[in-house]
PDB file of all heavy atoms in Angstrom:
ATOM      1  N   GLN A   1      22.604   8.827 -13.738  1.00  0.00           N
ATOM      2  CA  GLN A   1      23.647   9.854 -13.679  1.00  0.00           C
ATOM      3  C   GLN A   1      22.967  11.214 -13.627  1.00  0.00           C
ATOM      4  O   GLN A   1      22.209  11.553 -14.530  1.00  0.00           O
ATOM      5  CB  GLN A   1      24.559   9.754 -14.915  1.00  0.00           C
ATOM      6  CG  GLN A   1      25.640  10.824 -14.956  1.00  0.00           C
ATOM      7  CD  GLN A   1      26.650  10.673 -13.829  1.00  0.00           C
ATOM      8  OE1 GLN A   1      27.101   9.566 -13.542  1.00  0.00           O
ATOM      9  NE2 GLN A   1      27.012  11.778 -13.209  1.00  0.00           N
ATOM     10  N   MET A   2      23.255  11.952 -12.579  1.00  0.00           N
ATOM     11  CA  MET A   2      22.606  13.242 -12.373  1.00  0.00           C
ATOM     12  C   MET A   2      23.661  14.335 -12.404  1.00  0.00           C
ATOM     13  O   MET A   2      24.571  14.359 -11.572  1.00  0.00           O
ATOM     14  CB  MET A   2      21.875  13.249 -11.005  1.00  0.00           C
ATOM     15  CG  MET A   2      20.891  12.122 -10.856  1.00  0.00           C
ATOM     16  SD  MET A   2      19.906  12.237  -9.336  1.00  0.00           S
ATOM     17  CE  MET A   2      21.172  12.049  -8.103  1.00  0.00           C
ATOM     18  N   ASN A   3      23.549  15.197 -13.395  1.00  0.00           N
ATOM     19  CA  ASN A   3      24.468  16.312 -13.560  1.00  0.00           C
ATOM     20  C   ASN A   3      23.752  17.628 -13.357  1.00  0.00           C
ATOM     21  O   ASN A   3      22.518  17.707 -13.442  1.00  0.00           O
ATOM     22  CB  ASN A   3      25.102  16.272 -14.942  1.00  0.00           C
ATOM     23  CG  ASN A   3      25.919  15.013 -15.178  1.00  0.00           C
ATOM     24  OD1 ASN A   3      26.516  14.459 -14.250  1.00  0.00           O
ATOM     25  ND2 ASN A   3      25.946  14.557 -16.418  1.00  0.00           N
ATOM     26  N   SER A   4      24.523  18.685 -13.142  1.00  0.00           N
ATOM     27  CA  SER A   4      23.981  20.036 -12.981  1.00  0.00           C
ATOM     28  C   SER A   4      22.837  20.023 -11.953  1.00  0.00           C
ATOM     29  O   SER A   4      21.761  20.601 -12.189  1.00  0.00           O
ATOM     30  CB  SER A   4      23.467  20.567 -14.320  1.00  0.00           C
ATOM     31  OG  SER A   4      24.513  20.608 -15.270  1.00  0.00           O
ATOM     32  N   LEU A   5      23.072  19.403 -10.843  1.00  0.00           N
ATOM     33  CA  LEU A   5      22.035  19.293  -9.809  1.00  0.00           C
ATOM     34  C   LEU A   5      21.689  20.647  -9.242  1.00  0.00           C
ATOM     35  O   LEU A   5      22.534  21.526  -9.068  1.00  0.00           O
ATOM     36  CB  LEU A   5      22.507  18.350  -8.714  1.00  0.00           C
ATOM     37  CG  LEU A   5      22.422  16.864  -9.098  1.00  0.00           C
ATOM     38  CD1 LEU A   5      23.314  16.038  -8.170  1.00  0.00           C
ATOM     39  CD2 LEU A   5      21.006  16.371  -9.050  1.00  0.00           C
ATOM     40  N   GLN A   6      20.403  20.790  -8.941  1.00  0.00           N
ATOM     41  CA  GLN A   6      19.867  22.015  -8.392  1.00  0.00           C
ATOM     42  C   GLN A   6      19.113  21.721  -7.089  1.00  0.00           C
ATOM     43  O   GLN A   6      18.717  20.568  -6.849  1.00  0.00           O
ATOM     44  CB  GLN A   6      18.928  22.657  -9.398  1.00  0.00           C
ATOM     45  CG  GLN A   6      19.573  23.017 -10.726  1.00  0.00           C
ATOM     46  CD  GLN A   6      20.742  23.989 -10.562  1.00  0.00           C
ATOM     47  OE1 GLN A   6      20.666  24.943  -9.766  1.00  0.00           O
ATOM     48  NE2 GLN A   6      21.824  23.736 -11.260  1.00  0.00           N
ATOM     49  N   PRO A   7      18.930  22.718  -6.232  1.00  0.00           N
ATOM     50  CA  PRO A   7      18.230  22.487  -4.964  1.00  0.00           C
ATOM     51  C   PRO A   7      16.866  21.809  -5.140  1.00  0.00           C
ATOM     52  O   PRO A   7      16.449  21.011  -4.296  1.00  0.00           O
ATOM     53  CB  PRO A   7      18.103  23.880  -4.373  1.00  0.00           C
ATOM     54  CG  PRO A   7      19.305  24.602  -4.917  1.00  0.00           C
ATOM     55  CD  PRO A   7      19.472  24.080  -6.309  1.00  0.00           C
ATOM     56  N   GLU A   8      16.192  22.102  -6.236  1.00  0.00           N
ATOM     57  CA  GLU A   8      14.873  21.484  -6.461  1.00  0.00           C
ATOM     58  C   GLU A   8      14.955  20.001  -6.788  1.00  0.00           C
ATOM     59  O   GLU A   8      13.916  19.329  -6.875  1.00  0.00           O
ATOM     60  CB  GLU A   8      14.116  22.222  -7.570  1.00  0.00           C
ATOM     61  CG  GLU A   8      14.878  22.397  -8.856  1.00  0.00           C
ATOM     62  CD  GLU A   8      15.614  23.739  -8.923  1.00  0.00           C
ATOM     63  OE1 GLU A   8      16.054  24.244  -7.860  1.00  0.00           O
ATOM     64  OE2 GLU A   8      15.741  24.269 -10.043  1.00  0.00           O
ATOM     65  N   ASP A   9      16.149  19.486  -6.990  1.00  0.00           N
ATOM     66  CA  ASP A   9      16.329  18.053  -7.191  1.00  0.00           C
ATOM     67  C   ASP A   9      16.392  17.283  -5.857  1.00  0.00           C
ATOM     68  O   ASP A   9      16.449  16.057  -5.853  1.00  0.00           O
ATOM     69  CB  ASP A   9      17.596  17.769  -7.967  1.00  0.00           C
ATOM     70  CG  ASP A   9      17.559  18.300  -9.393  1.00  0.00           C
ATOM     71  OD1 ASP A   9      16.522  18.130 -10.054  1.00  0.00           O
ATOM     72  OD2 ASP A   9      18.552  18.912  -9.826  1.00  0.00           O
ATOM     73  N   THR A  10      16.395  18.002  -4.764  1.00  0.00           N
ATOM     74  CA  THR A  10      16.449  17.388  -3.447  1.00  0.00           C
ATOM     75  C   THR A  10      15.239  16.513  -3.192  1.00  0.00           C
ATOM     76  O   THR A  10      14.109  16.901  -3.507  1.00  0.00           O
ATOM     77  CB  THR A  10      16.556  18.473  -2.350  1.00  0.00           C
ATOM     78  OG1 THR A  10      17.812  19.143  -2.501  1.00  0.00           O
ATOM     79  CG2 THR A  10      16.464  17.860  -0.971  1.00  0.00           C
ATOM     80  N   GLY A  11      15.479  15.343  -2.609  1.00  0.00           N
ATOM     81  CA  GLY A  11      14.405  14.443  -2.256  1.00  0.00           C
ATOM     82  C   GLY A  11      14.906  13.054  -2.030  1.00  0.00           C
ATOM     83  O   GLY A  11      16.113  12.783  -2.141  1.00  0.00           O
ATOM     84  N   VAL A  12      13.979  12.172  -1.716  1.00  0.00           N
ATOM     85  CA  VAL A  12      14.315  10.751  -1.608  1.00  0.00           C
ATOM     86  C   VAL A  12      14.091  10.117  -2.980  1.00  0.00           C
ATOM     87  O   VAL A  12      13.014  10.246  -3.552  1.00  0.00           O
ATOM     88  CB  VAL A  12      13.464  10.043  -0.544  1.00  0.00           C
ATOM     89  CG1 VAL A  12      13.819   8.563  -0.484  1.00  0.00           C
ATOM     90  CG2 VAL A  12      13.651  10.703   0.821  1.00  0.00           C
ATOM     91  N   TYR A  13      15.112   9.461  -3.461  1.00  0.00           N
ATOM     92  CA  TYR A  13      15.045   8.820  -4.777  1.00  0.00           C
ATOM     93  C   TYR A  13      14.832   7.335  -4.606  1.00  0.00           C
ATOM     94  O   TYR A  13      15.572   6.664  -3.878  1.00  0.00           O
ATOM     95  CB  TYR A  13      16.329   9.082  -5.564  1.00  0.00           C
ATOM     96  CG  TYR A  13      16.381  10.479  -6.140  1.00  0.00           C
ATOM     97  CD1 TYR A  13      16.494  11.591  -5.311  1.00  0.00           C
ATOM     98  CD2 TYR A  13      16.257  10.696  -7.501  1.00  0.00           C
ATOM     99  CE1 TYR A  13      16.490  12.886  -5.847  1.00  0.00           C
ATOM    100  CE2 TYR A  13      16.295  11.980  -8.048  1.00  0.00           C
ATOM    101  CZ  TYR A  13      16.395  13.052  -7.200  1.00  0.00           C
ATOM    102  OH  TYR A  13      16.403  14.332  -7.730  1.00  0.00           O
ATOM    103  N   TYR A  14      13.815   6.848  -5.272  1.00  0.00           N
ATOM    104  CA  TYR A  14      13.452   5.432  -5.200  1.00  0.00           C
ATOM    105  C   TYR A  14      13.655   4.759  -6.554  1.00  0.00           C
ATOM    106  O   TYR A  14      13.356   5.334  -7.597  1.00  0.00           O
ATOM    107  CB  TYR A  14      11.972   5.263  -4.821  1.00  0.00           C
ATOM    108  CG  TYR A  14      11.605   5.819  -3.474  1.00  0.00           C
ATOM    109  CD1 TYR A  14      11.173   7.133  -3.319  1.00  0.00           C
ATOM    110  CD2 TYR A  14      11.655   5.012  -2.326  1.00  0.00           C
ATOM    111  CE1 TYR A  14      10.835   7.641  -2.079  1.00  0.00           C
ATOM    112  CE2 TYR A  14      11.321   5.510  -1.087  1.00  0.00           C
ATOM    113  CZ  TYR A  14      10.900   6.825  -0.977  1.00  0.00           C
ATOM    114  OH  TYR A  14      10.542   7.317   0.255  1.00  0.00           O
ATOM    115  N   CYS A  15      14.140   3.530  -6.495  1.00  0.00           N
ATOM    116  CA  CYS A  15      14.166   2.681  -7.679  1.00  0.00           C
ATOM    117  C   CYS A  15      12.905   1.825  -7.642  1.00  0.00           C
ATOM    118  O   CYS A  15      12.540   1.309  -6.575  1.00  0.00           O
ATOM    119  CB  CYS A  15      15.407   1.810  -7.649  1.00  0.00           C
ATOM    120  SG  CYS A  15      15.566   0.678  -9.019  1.00  0.00           S
ATOM    121  N   ALA A  16      12.276   1.659  -8.773  1.00  0.00           N
ATOM    122  CA  ALA A  16      11.053   0.852  -8.838  1.00  0.00           C
ATOM    123  C   ALA A  16      11.012   0.080 -10.139  1.00  0.00           C
ATOM    124  O   ALA A  16      11.611   0.492 -11.140  1.00  0.00           O
ATOM    125  CB  ALA A  16       9.821   1.748  -8.712  1.00  0.00           C
ATOM    126  N   ALA A  17      10.278  -1.036 -10.099  1.00  0.00           N
ATOM    127  CA  ALA A  17      10.188  -1.888 -11.298  1.00  0.00           C
ATOM    128  C   ALA A  17       8.820  -2.536 -11.397  1.00  0.00           C
ATOM    129  O   ALA A  17       8.107  -2.673 -10.400  1.00  0.00           O
ATOM    130  CB  ALA A  17      11.283  -2.974 -11.230  1.00  0.00           C
ATOM    131  N   VAL A  18       8.498  -2.928 -12.599  1.00  0.00           N
ATOM    132  CA  VAL A  18       7.298  -3.695 -12.856  1.00  0.00           C
ATOM    133  C   VAL A  18       7.651  -4.778 -13.860  1.00  0.00           C
ATOM    134  O   VAL A  18       8.340  -4.507 -14.851  1.00  0.00           O
ATOM    135  CB  VAL A  18       6.140  -2.806 -13.353  1.00  0.00           C
ATOM    136  CG1 VAL A  18       6.508  -2.070 -14.622  1.00  0.00           C
ATOM    137  CG2 VAL A  18       4.875  -3.634 -13.562  1.00  0.00           C
ATOM    138  N   LEU A  19       7.213  -5.999 -13.587  1.00  0.00           N
ATOM    139  CA  LEU A  19       7.446  -7.110 -14.482  1.00  0.00           C
ATOM    140  C   LEU A  19       6.268  -7.228 -15.462  1.00  0.00           C
ATOM    141  O   LEU A  19       5.115  -7.075 -15.059  1.00  0.00           O
ATOM    142  CB  LEU A  19       7.607  -8.419 -13.703  1.00  0.00           C
ATOM    143  CG  LEU A  19       8.666  -8.415 -12.608  1.00  0.00           C
ATOM    144  CD1 LEU A  19       8.772  -9.797 -11.977  1.00  0.00           C
ATOM    145  CD2 LEU A  19      10.000  -7.948 -13.137  1.00  0.00           C
ATOM    146  N   LEU A  20       6.575  -7.446 -16.704  1.00  0.00           N
ATOM    147  CA  LEU A  20       5.550  -7.538 -17.734  1.00  0.00           C
ATOM    148  C   LEU A  20       5.368  -8.988 -18.188  1.00  0.00           C
ATOM    149  O   LEU A  20       6.331  -9.749 -18.248  1.00  0.00           O
ATOM    150  CB  LEU A  20       5.964  -6.666 -18.929  1.00  0.00           C
ATOM    151  CG  LEU A  20       6.252  -5.198 -18.562  1.00  0.00           C
ATOM    152  CD1 LEU A  20       6.790  -4.458 -19.762  1.00  0.00           C
ATOM    153  CD2 LEU A  20       5.014  -4.521 -18.001  1.00  0.00           C
ATOM    154  N   ARG A  21       4.151  -9.321 -18.515  1.00  0.00           N
ATOM    155  CA  ARG A  21       3.855 -10.710 -18.896  1.00  0.00           C
ATOM    156  C   ARG A  21       4.268 -11.018 -20.320  1.00  0.00           C
ATOM    157  O   ARG A  21       4.432 -12.177 -20.697  1.00  0.00           O
ATOM    158  CB  ARG A  21       2.358 -10.978 -18.722  1.00  0.00           C
ATOM    159  CG  ARG A  21       1.896 -10.911 -17.279  1.00  0.00           C
ATOM    160  CD  ARG A  21       0.427 -11.214 -17.153  1.00  0.00           C
ATOM    161  NE  ARG A  21      -0.042 -11.150 -15.769  1.00  0.00           N
ATOM    162  CZ  ARG A  21      -1.272 -11.372 -15.384  1.00  0.00           C
ATOM    163  NH1 ARG A  21      -2.211 -11.662 -16.286  1.00  0.00           N
ATOM    164  NH2 ARG A  21      -1.600 -11.293 -14.120  1.00  0.00           N
ATOM    165  N   ARG A  22       4.394 -10.000 -21.126  1.00  0.00           N
ATOM    166  CA  ARG A  22       4.755 -10.219 -22.516  1.00  0.00           C
ATOM    167  C   ARG A  22       5.550  -9.008 -22.997  1.00  0.00           C
ATOM    168  O   ARG A  22       5.645  -7.989 -22.337  1.00  0.00           O
ATOM    169  CB  ARG A  22       3.521 -10.398 -23.385  1.00  0.00           C
ATOM    170  CG  ARG A  22       2.566  -9.212 -23.348  1.00  0.00           C
ATOM    171  CD  ARG A  22       1.292  -9.489 -24.147  1.00  0.00           C
ATOM    172  NE  ARG A  22       0.395  -8.349 -24.136  1.00  0.00           N
ATOM    173  CZ  ARG A  22      -0.497  -8.125 -23.179  1.00  0.00           C
ATOM    174  NH1 ARG A  22      -0.587  -8.965 -22.147  1.00  0.00           N
ATOM    175  NH2 ARG A  22      -1.290  -7.083 -23.246  1.00  0.00           N
ATOM    176  N   ARG A  23       6.114  -9.173 -24.173  1.00  0.00           N
ATOM    177  CA  ARG A  23       6.883  -8.111 -24.773  1.00  0.00           C
ATOM    178  C   ARG A  23       5.989  -6.913 -24.995  1.00  0.00           C
ATOM    179  O   ARG A  23       4.996  -7.002 -25.707  1.00  0.00           O
ATOM    180  CB  ARG A  23       7.493  -8.570 -26.098  1.00  0.00           C
ATOM    181  CG  ARG A  23       8.385  -7.577 -26.766  1.00  0.00           C
ATOM    182  CD  ARG A  23       8.808  -8.094 -28.144  1.00  0.00           C
ATOM    183  NE  ARG A  23       9.565  -9.336 -28.053  1.00  0.00           N
ATOM    184  CZ  ARG A  23      10.890  -9.360 -27.943  1.00  0.00           C
ATOM    185  NH1 ARG A  23      11.569  -8.250 -27.969  1.00  0.00           N
ATOM    186  NH2 ARG A  23      11.531 -10.520 -27.868  1.00  0.00           N
ATOM    187  N   THR A  24       6.329  -5.801 -24.397  1.00  0.00           N
ATOM    188  CA  THR A  24       5.517  -4.592 -24.465  1.00  0.00           C
ATOM    189  C   THR A  24       6.437  -3.437 -24.807  1.00  0.00           C
ATOM    190  O   THR A  24       7.441  -3.223 -24.126  1.00  0.00           O
ATOM    191  CB  THR A  24       4.820  -4.327 -23.115  1.00  0.00           C
ATOM    192  OG1 THR A  24       4.041  -5.466 -22.748  1.00  0.00           O
ATOM    193  CG2 THR A  24       3.919  -3.114 -23.225  1.00  0.00           C
ATOM    194  N   TYR A  25       6.080  -2.715 -25.824  1.00  0.00           N
ATOM    195  CA  TYR A  25       6.925  -1.636 -26.299  1.00  0.00           C
ATOM    196  C   TYR A  25       6.498  -0.307 -25.668  1.00  0.00           C
ATOM    197  O   TYR A  25       5.368  -0.145 -25.210  1.00  0.00           O
ATOM    198  CB  TYR A  25       6.876  -1.542 -27.817  1.00  0.00           C
ATOM    199  CG  TYR A  25       7.461  -2.740 -28.482  1.00  0.00           C
ATOM    200  CD1 TYR A  25       6.653  -3.805 -28.892  1.00  0.00           C
ATOM    201  CD2 TYR A  25       8.841  -2.837 -28.679  1.00  0.00           C
ATOM    202  CE1 TYR A  25       7.202  -4.930 -29.473  1.00  0.00           C
ATOM    203  CE2 TYR A  25       9.387  -3.962 -29.266  1.00  0.00           C
ATOM    204  CZ  TYR A  25       8.558  -4.995 -29.664  1.00  0.00           C
ATOM    205  OH  TYR A  25       9.114  -6.129 -30.243  1.00  0.00           O
ATOM    206  N   GLY A  26       7.421   0.612 -25.641  1.00  0.00           N
ATOM    207  CA  GLY A  26       7.142   1.903 -25.081  1.00  0.00           C
ATOM    208  C   GLY A  26       7.433   1.947 -23.581  1.00  0.00           C
ATOM    209  O   GLY A  26       7.833   0.941 -22.970  1.00  0.00           O
ATOM    210  N   ILE A  27       7.215   3.096 -22.984  1.00  0.00           N
ATOM    211  CA  ILE A  27       7.550   3.252 -21.567  1.00  0.00           C
ATOM    212  C   ILE A  27       6.567   4.202 -20.908  1.00  0.00           C
ATOM    213  O   ILE A  27       6.085   5.145 -21.514  1.00  0.00           O
ATOM    214  CB  ILE A  27       8.986   3.822 -21.436  1.00  0.00           C
ATOM    215  CG1 ILE A  27       9.433   3.849 -19.985  1.00  0.00           C
ATOM    216  CG2 ILE A  27       9.118   5.221 -22.063  1.00  0.00           C
ATOM    217  CD1 ILE A  27       9.665   2.517 -19.366  1.00  0.00           C
ATOM    218  N   THR A  28       6.229   3.863 -19.670  1.00  0.00           N
ATOM    219  CA  THR A  28       5.501   4.782 -18.828  1.00  0.00           C
ATOM    220  C   THR A  28       6.312   4.928 -17.548  1.00  0.00           C
ATOM    221  O   THR A  28       7.089   4.049 -17.184  1.00  0.00           O
ATOM    222  CB  THR A  28       4.089   4.268 -18.495  1.00  0.00           C
ATOM    223  OG1 THR A  28       4.205   3.035 -17.795  1.00  0.00           O
ATOM    224  CG2 THR A  28       3.271   4.075 -19.742  1.00  0.00           C
ATOM    225  N   CYS A  29       6.115   6.040 -16.860  1.00  0.00           N
ATOM    226  CA  CYS A  29       6.925   6.314 -15.683  1.00  0.00           C
ATOM    227  C   CYS A  29       6.068   6.978 -14.609  1.00  0.00           C
ATOM    228  O   CYS A  29       6.444   8.016 -14.066  1.00  0.00           O
ATOM    229  CB  CYS A  29       8.093   7.202 -16.090  1.00  0.00           C
ATOM    230  SG  CYS A  29       9.506   7.183 -14.911  1.00  0.00           S
ATOM    231  N   ARG A  30       4.956   6.358 -14.321  1.00  0.00           N
ATOM    232  CA  ARG A  30       4.085   6.863 -13.283  1.00  0.00           C
ATOM    233  C   ARG A  30       4.079   5.891 -12.113  1.00  0.00           C
ATOM    234  O   ARG A  30       3.973   4.674 -12.326  1.00  0.00           O
ATOM    235  CB  ARG A  30       2.667   7.046 -13.837  1.00  0.00           C
ATOM    236  CG  ARG A  30       2.580   8.067 -14.962  1.00  0.00           C
ATOM    237  CD  ARG A  30       1.163   8.119 -15.487  1.00  0.00           C
ATOM    238  NE  ARG A  30       0.242   8.549 -14.431  1.00  0.00           N
ATOM    239  CZ  ARG A  30      -1.074   8.368 -14.481  1.00  0.00           C
ATOM    240  NH1 ARG A  30      -1.613   7.759 -15.506  1.00  0.00           N
ATOM    241  NH2 ARG A  30      -1.836   8.797 -13.504  1.00  0.00           N
ATOM    242  N   PRO A  31       4.162   6.381 -10.885  1.00  0.00           N
ATOM    243  CA  PRO A  31       4.295   5.486  -9.720  1.00  0.00           C
ATOM    244  C   PRO A  31       3.251   4.390  -9.637  1.00  0.00           C
ATOM    245  O   PRO A  31       3.603   3.243  -9.277  1.00  0.00           O
ATOM    246  CB  PRO A  31       4.186   6.466  -8.534  1.00  0.00           C
ATOM    247  CG  PRO A  31       4.760   7.735  -9.068  1.00  0.00           C
ATOM    248  CD  PRO A  31       4.283   7.809 -10.499  1.00  0.00           C
ATOM    249  N   PRO A  32       1.966   4.646  -9.944  1.00  0.00           N
ATOM    250  CA  PRO A  32       0.983   3.536  -9.809  1.00  0.00           C
ATOM    251  C   PRO A  32       1.281   2.359 -10.739  1.00  0.00           C
ATOM    252  O   PRO A  32       0.767   1.259 -10.505  1.00  0.00           O
ATOM    253  CB  PRO A  32      -0.344   4.211 -10.200  1.00  0.00           C
ATOM    254  CG  PRO A  32      -0.131   5.645  -9.910  1.00  0.00           C
ATOM    255  CD  PRO A  32       1.295   5.913 -10.296  1.00  0.00           C
ATOM    256  N   GLY A  33       2.068   2.576 -11.753  1.00  0.00           N
ATOM    257  CA  GLY A  33       2.354   1.508 -12.696  1.00  0.00           C
ATOM    258  C   GLY A  33       3.515   0.618 -12.330  1.00  0.00           C
ATOM    259  O   GLY A  33       3.875  -0.289 -13.089  1.00  0.00           O
ATOM    260  N   TYR A  34       4.106   0.844 -11.160  1.00  0.00           N
ATOM    261  CA  TYR A  34       5.264   0.114 -10.716  1.00  0.00           C
ATOM    262  C   TYR A  34       4.973  -0.630  -9.442  1.00  0.00           C
ATOM    263  O   TYR A  34       4.470  -0.047  -8.490  1.00  0.00           O
ATOM    264  CB  TYR A  34       6.466   1.065 -10.570  1.00  0.00           C
ATOM    265  CG  TYR A  34       6.998   1.483 -11.915  1.00  0.00           C
ATOM    266  CD1 TYR A  34       6.285   2.351 -12.726  1.00  0.00           C
ATOM    267  CD2 TYR A  34       8.200   0.965 -12.385  1.00  0.00           C
ATOM    268  CE1 TYR A  34       6.766   2.689 -13.983  1.00  0.00           C
ATOM    269  CE2 TYR A  34       8.697   1.321 -13.634  1.00  0.00           C
ATOM    270  CZ  TYR A  34       7.962   2.168 -14.424  1.00  0.00           C
ATOM    271  OH  TYR A  34       8.430   2.515 -15.689  1.00  0.00           O
ATOM    272  N   ALA A  35       5.296  -1.918  -9.422  1.00  0.00           N
ATOM    273  CA  ALA A  35       4.874  -2.774  -8.318  1.00  0.00           C
ATOM    274  C   ALA A  35       5.929  -2.975  -7.243  1.00  0.00           C
ATOM    275  O   ALA A  35       5.562  -3.259  -6.094  1.00  0.00           O
ATOM    276  CB  ALA A  35       4.457  -4.138  -8.883  1.00  0.00           C
ATOM    277  N   TYR A  36       7.171  -2.876  -7.619  1.00  0.00           N
ATOM    278  CA  TYR A  36       8.258  -3.181  -6.686  1.00  0.00           C
ATOM    279  C   TYR A  36       9.084  -1.931  -6.437  1.00  0.00           C
ATOM    280  O   TYR A  36       9.447  -1.235  -7.396  1.00  0.00           O
ATOM    281  CB  TYR A  36       9.137  -4.309  -7.226  1.00  0.00           C
ATOM    282  CG  TYR A  36       8.358  -5.562  -7.524  1.00  0.00           C
ATOM    283  CD1 TYR A  36       7.952  -5.848  -8.811  1.00  0.00           C
ATOM    284  CD2 TYR A  36       8.013  -6.439  -6.501  1.00  0.00           C
ATOM    285  CE1 TYR A  36       7.227  -7.001  -9.082  1.00  0.00           C
ATOM    286  CE2 TYR A  36       7.290  -7.578  -6.759  1.00  0.00           C
ATOM    287  CZ  TYR A  36       6.893  -7.861  -8.060  1.00  0.00           C
ATOM    288  OH  TYR A  36       6.167  -8.988  -8.313  1.00  0.00           O
ATOM    289  N   TRP A  37       9.419  -1.712  -5.150  1.00  0.00           N
ATOM    290  CA  TRP A  37      10.080  -0.475  -4.766  1.00  0.00           C
ATOM    291  C   TRP A  37      11.269  -0.771  -3.852  1.00  0.00           C
ATOM    292  O   TRP A  37      11.209  -1.657  -2.994  1.00  0.00           O
ATOM    293  CB  TRP A  37       9.110   0.456  -4.067  1.00  0.00           C
ATOM    294  CG  TRP A  37       8.050   0.958  -4.976  1.00  0.00           C
ATOM    295  CD1 TRP A  37       6.911   0.327  -5.349  1.00  0.00           C
ATOM    296  CD2 TRP A  37       8.047   2.222  -5.656  1.00  0.00           C
ATOM    297  NE1 TRP A  37       6.181   1.124  -6.225  1.00  0.00           N
ATOM    298  CE2 TRP A  37       6.870   2.288  -6.422  1.00  0.00           C
ATOM    299  CE3 TRP A  37       8.936   3.309  -5.687  1.00  0.00           C
ATOM    300  CZ2 TRP A  37       6.543   3.379  -7.238  1.00  0.00           C
ATOM    301  CZ3 TRP A  37       8.614   4.389  -6.479  1.00  0.00           C
ATOM    302  CH2 TRP A  37       7.430   4.434  -7.242  1.00  0.00           C
ATOM    303  N   GLY A  38      12.327   0.022  -4.036  1.00  0.00           N
ATOM    304  CA  GLY A  38      13.443  -0.012  -3.104  1.00  0.00           C
ATOM    305  C   GLY A  38      13.141   0.855  -1.882  1.00  0.00           C
ATOM    306  O   GLY A  38      12.077   1.440  -1.771  1.00  0.00           O
ATOM    307  N   GLN A  39      14.117   0.914  -1.008  1.00  0.00           N
ATOM    308  CA  GLN A  39      13.925   1.633   0.260  1.00  0.00           C
ATOM    309  C   GLN A  39      14.180   3.124   0.132  1.00  0.00           C
ATOM    310  O   GLN A  39      13.820   3.895   1.013  1.00  0.00           O
ATOM    311  CB  GLN A  39      14.821   1.051   1.343  1.00  0.00           C
ATOM    312  CG  GLN A  39      16.269   1.538   1.309  1.00  0.00           C
ATOM    313  CD  GLN A  39      17.085   0.954   0.182  1.00  0.00           C
ATOM    314  OE1 GLN A  39      16.652   0.067  -0.548  1.00  0.00           O
ATOM    315  NE2 GLN A  39      18.327   1.452   0.020  1.00  0.00           N
ATOM    316  N   GLY A  40      14.802   3.535  -0.968  1.00  0.00           N
ATOM    317  CA  GLY A  40      15.065   4.940  -1.209  1.00  0.00           C
ATOM    318  C   GLY A  40      16.439   5.392  -0.749  1.00  0.00           C
ATOM    319  O   GLY A  40      17.016   4.786   0.169  1.00  0.00           O
ATOM    320  N   THR A  41      16.937   6.427  -1.388  1.00  0.00           N
ATOM    321  CA  THR A  41      18.206   7.031  -1.002  1.00  0.00           C
ATOM    322  C   THR A  41      18.063   8.536  -1.081  1.00  0.00           C
ATOM    323  O   THR A  41      17.468   9.076  -2.003  1.00  0.00           O
ATOM    324  CB  THR A  41      19.364   6.527  -1.897  1.00  0.00           C
ATOM    325  OG1 THR A  41      20.605   7.039  -1.427  1.00  0.00           O
ATOM    326  CG2 THR A  41      19.176   6.935  -3.351  1.00  0.00           C
ATOM    327  N   GLN A  42      18.568   9.224  -0.058  1.00  0.00           N
ATOM    328  CA  GLN A  42      18.393  10.674   0.051  1.00  0.00           C
ATOM    329  C   GLN A  42      19.403  11.404  -0.818  1.00  0.00           C
ATOM    330  O   GLN A  42      20.596  11.098  -0.774  1.00  0.00           O
ATOM    331  CB  GLN A  42      18.552  11.119   1.508  1.00  0.00           C
ATOM    332  CG  GLN A  42      18.474  12.615   1.723  1.00  0.00           C
ATOM    333  CD  GLN A  42      17.055  13.139   1.527  1.00  0.00           C
ATOM    334  OE1 GLN A  42      16.075  12.548   1.988  1.00  0.00           O
ATOM    335  NE2 GLN A  42      16.947  14.286   0.850  1.00  0.00           N
ATOM    336  N   VAL A  43      18.897  12.365  -1.565  1.00  0.00           N
ATOM    337  CA  VAL A  43      19.735  13.278  -2.330  1.00  0.00           C
ATOM    338  C   VAL A  43      19.442  14.686  -1.849  1.00  0.00           C
ATOM    339  O   VAL A  43      18.295  15.113  -1.865  1.00  0.00           O
ATOM    340  CB  VAL A  43      19.472  13.164  -3.844  1.00  0.00           C
ATOM    341  CG1 VAL A  43      20.205  14.251  -4.614  1.00  0.00           C
ATOM    342  CG2 VAL A  43      19.886  11.774  -4.349  1.00  0.00           C
TER     343      VAL A  43
END
């Protein structure tokens, strides 16, 4: 959910995921750490 959108939010938005082998706590959000990608949607 994206509110108060600004021109600098413009871009192609991709959904990405990575499957983990075991229960892992915490979160990272860097592109190299994600293996699967959608095709993207323009905003």
